[in-house]
Structures are given as structure tokens and as C-alpha cells.
Amino acid sequence: MNRDFIQLRGLEGELKVSQKKQEYGLSVSTREIVFHKPHVNYLIRYDDIVSIVPFEPRGRRTRVSVRNSSGSAVEYASQRADTDQYRLYASRVTVHNRSGLAAMGAMQFVLPIPPKLMAVIAEFSGLDRVI
């Protein structure tokens, strides 16, 4: 685990699963998802999630990056062959960095979410599956 991850102070709801790798981490509670990167956490409440859909990468991503286009930010976590990728779109995100908490607007995240974490997210998020 990376020593540059910021400790969470106030997680909403009960922590169900937390998984941290070298370059990123995910914590899932009964009320929110937290995407951890070195020096920053993104707190995403289930109420603010618009959609979570499977993501098929075009090309190869090998590291975490940020791309801004037309005012909305996209966070990519590194591509992993062992885990399915998902595009998560949230209408509002709270950023927790070393300067404190800041409310952000709409953001997209492309994350590898293991089936165990996806099952917990499905159980508590209230999102419906559309085929």
C-alpha cells in the first residue's frame, strides 16, 4: 500500500469493504464510495451517482491520469487485466486532499471494480440494472 494515501476521517455509513493497491484504492460503505489516490480521496455518495456502466478501454492505459473536457473531469485508474472496468458518473463529488474538503461538480471515473466490491455497491446504492 502507498504511504501517500490520506486517512479518511468521516466515512458516511458503515464501512463494508476497503481495498488499496499501490496506485489507487476503493472503500465502499453503506452510503458512499471513496476512490483513493495518493494525496487525494474522492467521496462519492450513492445519491449523487447517475450511472455505473461497463467500460471497454480503447488503447492501453498504464497509469492514473486526469483529463478535463468541457468543464467536467475524468479520472482513469490503471487498466488491470484481472478486473472489469466500469465508468462511474456522479453529478457531485467531494474531494478530500491535504488542504481539506472541497465540493466539485460532475465527474466521471473509469475504475477497475472487483466483483466483490461491485456486489456491495449494488446492494446499497439502490441503482437499477437496465439491459
N, C-alpha and C. Protein backbone atom coordinates (compact mmCIF):
# COMPACT_ATOMS: atom_id res chain seq x y z
N MET A 1 0.84 -1.18 0.00
CA MET A 1 0.00 0.00 0.00
C MET A 1 0.88 1.24 0.00
N ASN A 2 0.44 2.26 -0.68
CA ASN A 2 1.17 3.51 -0.81
C ASN A 2 1.03 4.35 0.46
N ARG A 3 2.14 4.86 0.99
CA ARG A 3 2.11 5.66 2.22
C ARG A 3 1.55 7.06 1.98
N ASP A 4 1.36 7.45 0.73
CA ASP A 4 0.85 8.78 0.42
C ASP A 4 -0.67 8.87 0.43
N PHE A 5 -1.38 7.78 0.71
CA PHE A 5 -2.83 7.83 0.83
C PHE A 5 -3.20 8.64 2.07
N ILE A 6 -4.24 9.46 1.94
CA ILE A 6 -4.72 10.27 3.05
C ILE A 6 -5.72 9.43 3.85
N GLN A 7 -5.59 9.46 5.17
CA GLN A 7 -6.52 8.75 6.04
C GLN A 7 -7.91 9.38 5.97
N LEU A 8 -8.93 8.57 5.93
CA LEU A 8 -10.31 9.06 5.96
C LEU A 8 -10.69 9.38 7.39
N ARG A 9 -11.33 10.51 7.58
CA ARG A 9 -11.77 10.90 8.92
C ARG A 9 -13.24 10.56 9.15
N GLY A 10 -14.09 10.92 8.22
CA GLY A 10 -15.52 10.75 8.43
C GLY A 10 -16.20 10.05 7.29
N LEU A 11 -16.17 8.76 7.28
CA LEU A 11 -16.85 7.98 6.25
C LEU A 11 -18.32 7.90 6.61
N GLU A 12 -19.19 8.22 5.64
CA GLU A 12 -20.62 8.12 5.88
C GLU A 12 -21.05 6.67 5.79
N GLY A 13 -21.89 6.25 6.70
CA GLY A 13 -22.37 4.88 6.72
C GLY A 13 -21.36 3.93 7.32
N GLU A 14 -21.67 2.67 7.24
CA GLU A 14 -20.82 1.61 7.79
C GLU A 14 -19.88 1.08 6.71
N LEU A 15 -18.60 1.05 7.01
CA LEU A 15 -17.61 0.52 6.06
C LEU A 15 -17.88 -0.97 5.82
N LYS A 16 -18.00 -1.35 4.56
CA LYS A 16 -18.24 -2.75 4.20
C LYS A 16 -17.00 -3.42 3.64
N VAL A 17 -16.31 -2.75 2.70
CA VAL A 17 -15.13 -3.32 2.05
C VAL A 17 -14.16 -2.19 1.73
N SER A 18 -12.88 -2.44 1.94
CA SER A 18 -11.86 -1.49 1.54
C SER A 18 -10.72 -2.26 0.91
N GLN A 19 -10.24 -1.75 -0.23
CA GLN A 19 -9.16 -2.42 -0.95
C GLN A 19 -8.22 -1.35 -1.48
N LYS A 20 -6.95 -1.46 -1.13
CA LYS A 20 -5.97 -0.48 -1.61
C LYS A 20 -4.83 -1.21 -2.29
N LYS A 21 -4.47 -0.70 -3.45
CA LYS A 21 -3.32 -1.18 -4.21
C LYS A 21 -2.25 -0.11 -4.12
N GLN A 22 -1.18 -0.27 -4.88
CA GLN A 22 -0.11 0.72 -4.86
C GLN A 22 -0.56 2.08 -5.40
N GLU A 23 -1.29 2.09 -6.52
CA GLU A 23 -1.62 3.35 -7.18
C GLU A 23 -3.03 3.87 -6.92
N TYR A 24 -3.93 3.07 -6.37
CA TYR A 24 -5.28 3.52 -6.09
C TYR A 24 -5.93 2.59 -5.07
N GLY A 25 -7.07 3.01 -4.57
CA GLY A 25 -7.83 2.19 -3.63
C GLY A 25 -9.30 2.52 -3.73
N LEU A 26 -10.14 1.62 -3.23
CA LEU A 26 -11.58 1.83 -3.18
C LEU A 26 -12.08 1.40 -1.80
N SER A 27 -12.91 2.23 -1.21
CA SER A 27 -13.60 1.88 0.03
C SER A 27 -15.08 2.01 -0.25
N VAL A 28 -15.86 1.03 0.20
CA VAL A 28 -17.30 1.02 -0.05
C VAL A 28 -18.00 0.92 1.29
N SER A 29 -18.91 1.86 1.53
CA SER A 29 -19.71 1.83 2.76
C SER A 29 -21.17 1.67 2.37
N THR A 30 -22.04 1.76 3.35
CA THR A 30 -23.46 1.64 3.08
C THR A 30 -24.05 2.92 2.48
N ARG A 31 -23.27 4.03 2.46
CA ARG A 31 -23.77 5.30 1.95
C ARG A 31 -22.93 5.93 0.85
N GLU A 32 -21.67 5.46 0.67
CA GLU A 32 -20.80 6.11 -0.31
C GLU A 32 -19.66 5.21 -0.76
N ILE A 33 -19.03 5.64 -1.85
CA ILE A 33 -17.81 5.02 -2.38
C ILE A 33 -16.70 6.06 -2.24
N VAL A 34 -15.52 5.62 -1.83
CA VAL A 34 -14.38 6.51 -1.77
C VAL A 34 -13.31 5.95 -2.69
N PHE A 35 -12.89 6.78 -3.65
CA PHE A 35 -11.80 6.43 -4.57
C PHE A 35 -10.55 7.11 -4.03
N HIS A 36 -9.55 6.30 -3.64
CA HIS A 36 -8.31 6.80 -3.05
C HIS A 36 -7.22 6.86 -4.11
N LYS A 37 -6.51 7.97 -4.14
CA LYS A 37 -5.29 8.11 -4.91
C LYS A 37 -4.27 8.72 -3.97
N PRO A 38 -2.99 8.61 -4.25
CA PRO A 38 -2.02 9.29 -3.39
C PRO A 38 -2.34 10.79 -3.30
N HIS A 39 -2.43 11.30 -2.09
CA HIS A 39 -2.67 12.70 -1.78
C HIS A 39 -4.08 13.20 -2.02
N VAL A 40 -5.01 12.36 -2.43
CA VAL A 40 -6.39 12.81 -2.66
C VAL A 40 -7.37 11.64 -2.54
N ASN A 41 -8.55 11.93 -1.97
CA ASN A 41 -9.67 10.99 -1.93
C ASN A 41 -10.86 11.65 -2.61
N TYR A 42 -11.62 10.86 -3.35
CA TYR A 42 -12.86 11.33 -3.96
C TYR A 42 -14.01 10.62 -3.25
N LEU A 43 -14.86 11.39 -2.58
CA LEU A 43 -16.01 10.85 -1.86
C LEU A 43 -17.24 10.97 -2.75
N ILE A 44 -17.84 9.83 -3.07
CA ILE A 44 -18.96 9.79 -4.00
C ILE A 44 -20.15 9.16 -3.27
N ARG A 45 -21.14 9.99 -2.95
CA ARG A 45 -22.34 9.47 -2.28
C ARG A 45 -23.21 8.72 -3.29
N TYR A 46 -23.86 7.66 -2.83
CA TYR A 46 -24.73 6.90 -3.72
C TYR A 46 -25.83 7.78 -4.32
N ASP A 47 -26.33 8.74 -3.54
CA ASP A 47 -27.38 9.63 -4.03
C ASP A 47 -26.92 10.47 -5.22
N ASP A 48 -25.62 10.68 -5.35
CA ASP A 48 -25.09 11.51 -6.43
C ASP A 48 -24.65 10.71 -7.65
N ILE A 49 -24.69 9.38 -7.57
CA ILE A 49 -24.29 8.55 -8.70
C ILE A 49 -25.42 8.50 -9.72
N VAL A 50 -25.08 8.87 -10.94
CA VAL A 50 -26.06 8.85 -12.03
C VAL A 50 -26.05 7.48 -12.71
N SER A 51 -24.84 6.94 -12.96
CA SER A 51 -24.76 5.63 -13.61
C SER A 51 -23.41 4.98 -13.35
N ILE A 52 -23.43 3.66 -13.43
CA ILE A 52 -22.22 2.84 -13.42
C ILE A 52 -22.41 1.85 -14.56
N VAL A 53 -21.54 1.93 -15.57
CA VAL A 53 -21.67 1.07 -16.74
C VAL A 53 -20.35 0.41 -17.06
N PRO A 54 -20.37 -0.78 -17.65
CA PRO A 54 -19.12 -1.43 -18.06
C PRO A 54 -18.36 -0.53 -19.03
N PHE A 55 -17.05 -0.60 -18.98
CA PHE A 55 -16.19 0.23 -19.81
C PHE A 55 -15.22 -0.66 -20.57
N GLU A 56 -15.19 -0.48 -21.88
CA GLU A 56 -14.23 -1.18 -22.73
C GLU A 56 -13.15 -0.19 -23.13
N PRO A 57 -11.93 -0.35 -22.65
CA PRO A 57 -10.89 0.63 -22.97
C PRO A 57 -10.50 0.59 -24.44
N ARG A 58 -10.23 1.77 -24.97
CA ARG A 58 -9.68 1.89 -26.32
C ARG A 58 -8.21 2.20 -26.14
N GLY A 59 -7.37 1.33 -26.60
CA GLY A 59 -5.94 1.52 -26.38
C GLY A 59 -5.55 0.98 -25.02
N ARG A 60 -4.42 1.42 -24.53
CA ARG A 60 -3.89 0.88 -23.29
C ARG A 60 -3.57 2.02 -22.33
N ARG A 61 -4.15 2.00 -21.14
CA ARG A 61 -3.84 2.95 -20.09
C ARG A 61 -2.98 2.23 -19.06
N THR A 62 -1.89 2.87 -18.70
CA THR A 62 -0.98 2.20 -17.77
C THR A 62 -0.82 2.95 -16.46
N ARG A 63 -1.44 4.13 -16.33
CA ARG A 63 -1.32 4.86 -15.07
C ARG A 63 -2.55 5.72 -14.84
N VAL A 64 -2.65 6.26 -13.65
CA VAL A 64 -3.76 7.14 -13.31
C VAL A 64 -3.55 8.47 -14.01
N SER A 65 -4.59 9.03 -14.60
CA SER A 65 -4.48 10.32 -15.27
C SER A 65 -5.79 11.08 -15.13
N VAL A 66 -5.73 12.37 -15.39
CA VAL A 66 -6.91 13.23 -15.36
C VAL A 66 -7.05 13.89 -16.72
N ARG A 67 -8.25 13.93 -17.23
CA ARG A 67 -8.50 14.62 -18.50
C ARG A 67 -9.69 15.55 -18.29
N ASN A 68 -9.52 16.80 -18.56
CA ASN A 68 -10.62 17.76 -18.49
C ASN A 68 -11.11 18.04 -19.88
N SER A 69 -12.42 17.94 -20.06
CA SER A 69 -13.01 18.31 -21.35
C SER A 69 -14.36 18.94 -21.08
N SER A 70 -14.57 20.11 -21.62
CA SER A 70 -15.80 20.87 -21.46
C SER A 70 -16.27 20.95 -20.01
N GLY A 71 -15.36 21.26 -19.14
CA GLY A 71 -15.72 21.55 -17.76
C GLY A 71 -15.91 20.36 -16.84
N SER A 72 -15.93 19.14 -17.35
CA SER A 72 -16.07 18.00 -16.45
C SER A 72 -14.77 17.22 -16.43
N ALA A 73 -14.48 16.63 -15.31
CA ALA A 73 -13.22 15.91 -15.15
C ALA A 73 -13.45 14.42 -15.28
N VAL A 74 -12.44 13.72 -15.76
CA VAL A 74 -12.48 12.26 -15.87
C VAL A 74 -11.25 11.72 -15.17
N GLU A 75 -11.44 10.79 -14.26
CA GLU A 75 -10.33 10.12 -13.57
C GLU A 75 -10.23 8.70 -14.11
N TYR A 76 -9.04 8.32 -14.56
CA TYR A 76 -8.79 6.96 -15.01
C TYR A 76 -7.86 6.28 -14.02
N ALA A 77 -8.21 5.10 -13.57
CA ALA A 77 -7.29 4.28 -12.80
C ALA A 77 -6.60 3.35 -13.79
N SER A 78 -5.48 2.80 -13.41
CA SER A 78 -4.72 1.97 -14.35
C SER A 78 -5.51 0.74 -14.75
N GLN A 79 -5.31 0.32 -15.98
CA GLN A 79 -6.00 -0.84 -16.51
C GLN A 79 -5.42 -2.11 -15.91
N ARG A 80 -6.28 -2.99 -15.46
CA ARG A 80 -5.85 -4.26 -14.90
C ARG A 80 -6.57 -5.38 -15.65
N ALA A 81 -5.83 -6.38 -16.03
CA ALA A 81 -6.44 -7.48 -16.79
C ALA A 81 -7.33 -8.35 -15.92
N ASP A 82 -7.11 -8.33 -14.59
CA ASP A 82 -7.82 -9.23 -13.70
C ASP A 82 -9.16 -8.68 -13.21
N THR A 83 -9.52 -7.45 -13.55
CA THR A 83 -10.72 -6.84 -13.02
C THR A 83 -11.48 -6.11 -14.12
N ASP A 84 -12.81 -6.20 -14.07
CA ASP A 84 -13.65 -5.48 -15.02
C ASP A 84 -13.56 -3.98 -14.77
N GLN A 85 -13.58 -3.22 -15.86
CA GLN A 85 -13.54 -1.76 -15.79
C GLN A 85 -14.98 -1.23 -15.84
N TYR A 86 -15.24 -0.17 -15.06
CA TYR A 86 -16.55 0.48 -15.05
C TYR A 86 -16.38 1.98 -15.17
N ARG A 87 -17.32 2.62 -15.87
CA ARG A 87 -17.37 4.08 -15.92
C ARG A 87 -18.46 4.50 -14.94
N LEU A 88 -18.05 5.26 -13.93
CA LEU A 88 -18.96 5.76 -12.92
C LEU A 88 -19.14 7.25 -13.15
N TYR A 89 -20.37 7.69 -13.30
CA TYR A 89 -20.66 9.11 -13.49
C TYR A 89 -21.42 9.60 -12.28
N ALA A 90 -20.91 10.69 -11.66
CA ALA A 90 -21.55 11.27 -10.48
C ALA A 90 -21.84 12.74 -10.75
N SER A 91 -22.99 13.20 -10.29
CA SER A 91 -23.38 14.60 -10.50
C SER A 91 -22.64 15.54 -9.56
N ARG A 92 -22.14 15.00 -8.45
CA ARG A 92 -21.41 15.81 -7.48
C ARG A 92 -20.43 14.91 -6.73
N VAL A 93 -19.23 15.42 -6.49
CA VAL A 93 -18.18 14.67 -5.81
C VAL A 93 -17.52 15.60 -4.79
N THR A 94 -17.13 15.05 -3.64
CA THR A 94 -16.36 15.81 -2.66
C THR A 94 -14.92 15.34 -2.74
N VAL A 95 -14.00 16.29 -2.86
CA VAL A 95 -12.57 15.98 -2.94
C VAL A 95 -11.96 16.24 -1.57
N HIS A 96 -11.22 15.27 -1.07
CA HIS A 96 -10.51 15.40 0.21
C HIS A 96 -9.03 15.32 -0.09
N ASN A 97 -8.33 16.47 0.05
CA ASN A 97 -6.89 16.47 -0.15
C ASN A 97 -6.22 17.06 1.08
N ARG A 98 -4.94 17.32 1.01
CA ARG A 98 -4.21 17.81 2.18
C ARG A 98 -4.64 19.21 2.59
N SER A 99 -5.34 19.93 1.71
CA SER A 99 -5.84 21.26 2.05
C SER A 99 -7.21 21.23 2.70
N GLY A 100 -7.88 20.08 2.67
CA GLY A 100 -9.21 19.95 3.26
C GLY A 100 -10.20 19.36 2.28
N LEU A 101 -11.48 19.66 2.51
CA LEU A 101 -12.57 19.16 1.68
C LEU A 101 -13.04 20.25 0.72
N ALA A 102 -13.38 19.84 -0.50
CA ALA A 102 -13.91 20.77 -1.49
C ALA A 102 -14.98 20.07 -2.32
N ALA A 103 -16.10 20.74 -2.53
CA ALA A 103 -17.17 20.20 -3.37
C ALA A 103 -16.83 20.44 -4.83
N MET A 104 -17.02 19.42 -5.63
CA MET A 104 -16.78 19.50 -7.07
C MET A 104 -18.11 19.30 -7.78
N GLY A 105 -18.13 19.57 -9.05
CA GLY A 105 -19.30 19.33 -9.86
C GLY A 105 -19.31 17.90 -10.36
N ALA A 106 -19.83 17.72 -11.55
CA ALA A 106 -19.94 16.40 -12.16
C ALA A 106 -18.56 15.86 -12.52
N MET A 107 -18.38 14.56 -12.29
CA MET A 107 -17.13 13.89 -12.63
C MET A 107 -17.42 12.49 -13.12
N GLN A 108 -16.51 11.98 -13.95
CA GLN A 108 -16.56 10.60 -14.40
C GLN A 108 -15.31 9.91 -13.89
N PHE A 109 -15.46 8.64 -13.53
CA PHE A 109 -14.34 7.82 -13.08
C PHE A 109 -14.36 6.54 -13.90
N VAL A 110 -13.21 6.11 -14.36
CA VAL A 110 -13.08 4.82 -15.02
C VAL A 110 -12.21 3.99 -14.08
N LEU A 111 -12.84 2.99 -13.46
CA LEU A 111 -12.19 2.26 -12.38
C LEU A 111 -12.30 0.75 -12.58
N PRO A 112 -11.27 0.03 -12.20
CA PRO A 112 -11.42 -1.43 -12.11
C PRO A 112 -12.10 -1.75 -10.78
N ILE A 113 -13.29 -2.32 -10.85
CA ILE A 113 -14.04 -2.64 -9.64
C ILE A 113 -14.19 -4.15 -9.57
N PRO A 114 -13.57 -4.78 -8.57
CA PRO A 114 -13.70 -6.24 -8.44
C PRO A 114 -15.15 -6.65 -8.17
N PRO A 115 -15.53 -7.86 -8.55
CA PRO A 115 -16.91 -8.32 -8.35
C PRO A 115 -17.38 -8.22 -6.90
N LYS A 116 -16.51 -8.46 -5.95
CA LYS A 116 -16.88 -8.39 -4.52
C LYS A 116 -17.32 -6.97 -4.15
N LEU A 117 -16.58 -5.97 -4.61
CA LEU A 117 -16.95 -4.59 -4.33
C LEU A 117 -18.19 -4.18 -5.11
N MET A 118 -18.31 -4.65 -6.35
CA MET A 118 -19.47 -4.32 -7.17
C MET A 118 -20.75 -4.88 -6.54
N ALA A 119 -20.66 -6.05 -5.93
CA ALA A 119 -21.83 -6.64 -5.26
C ALA A 119 -22.28 -5.78 -4.09
N VAL A 120 -21.35 -5.25 -3.33
CA VAL A 120 -21.68 -4.38 -2.19
C VAL A 120 -22.28 -3.06 -2.69
N ILE A 121 -21.70 -2.50 -3.75
CA ILE A 121 -22.22 -1.27 -4.33
C ILE A 121 -23.65 -1.49 -4.81
N ALA A 122 -23.90 -2.59 -5.50
CA ALA A 122 -25.24 -2.90 -6.00
C ALA A 122 -26.23 -3.06 -4.85
N GLU A 123 -25.80 -3.66 -3.76
CA GLU A 123 -26.69 -3.89 -2.62
C GLU A 123 -27.13 -2.59 -1.95
N PHE A 124 -26.23 -1.63 -1.81
CA PHE A 124 -26.53 -0.43 -1.03
C PHE A 124 -26.82 0.82 -1.86
N SER A 125 -26.50 0.83 -3.14
CA SER A 125 -26.65 2.06 -3.93
C SER A 125 -28.08 2.32 -4.36
N GLY A 126 -28.87 1.27 -4.51
CA GLY A 126 -30.23 1.45 -4.99
C GLY A 126 -30.33 1.64 -6.49
N LEU A 127 -29.21 1.50 -7.20
CA LEU A 127 -29.24 1.63 -8.66
C LEU A 127 -29.90 0.40 -9.27
N ASP A 128 -30.70 0.61 -10.31
CA ASP A 128 -31.36 -0.48 -11.01
C ASP A 128 -30.57 -0.85 -12.24
N ARG A 129 -30.58 -2.11 -12.56
CA ARG A 129 -29.88 -2.59 -13.76
C ARG A 129 -30.82 -2.49 -14.96
N VAL A 130 -30.34 -1.84 -15.99
CA VAL A 130 -31.09 -1.70 -17.23
C VAL A 130 -30.35 -2.47 -18.30
N ILE A 131 -31.08 -3.34 -18.99
CA ILE A 131 -30.45 -4.17 -20.03
C ILE A 131 -30.88 -3.69 -21.39
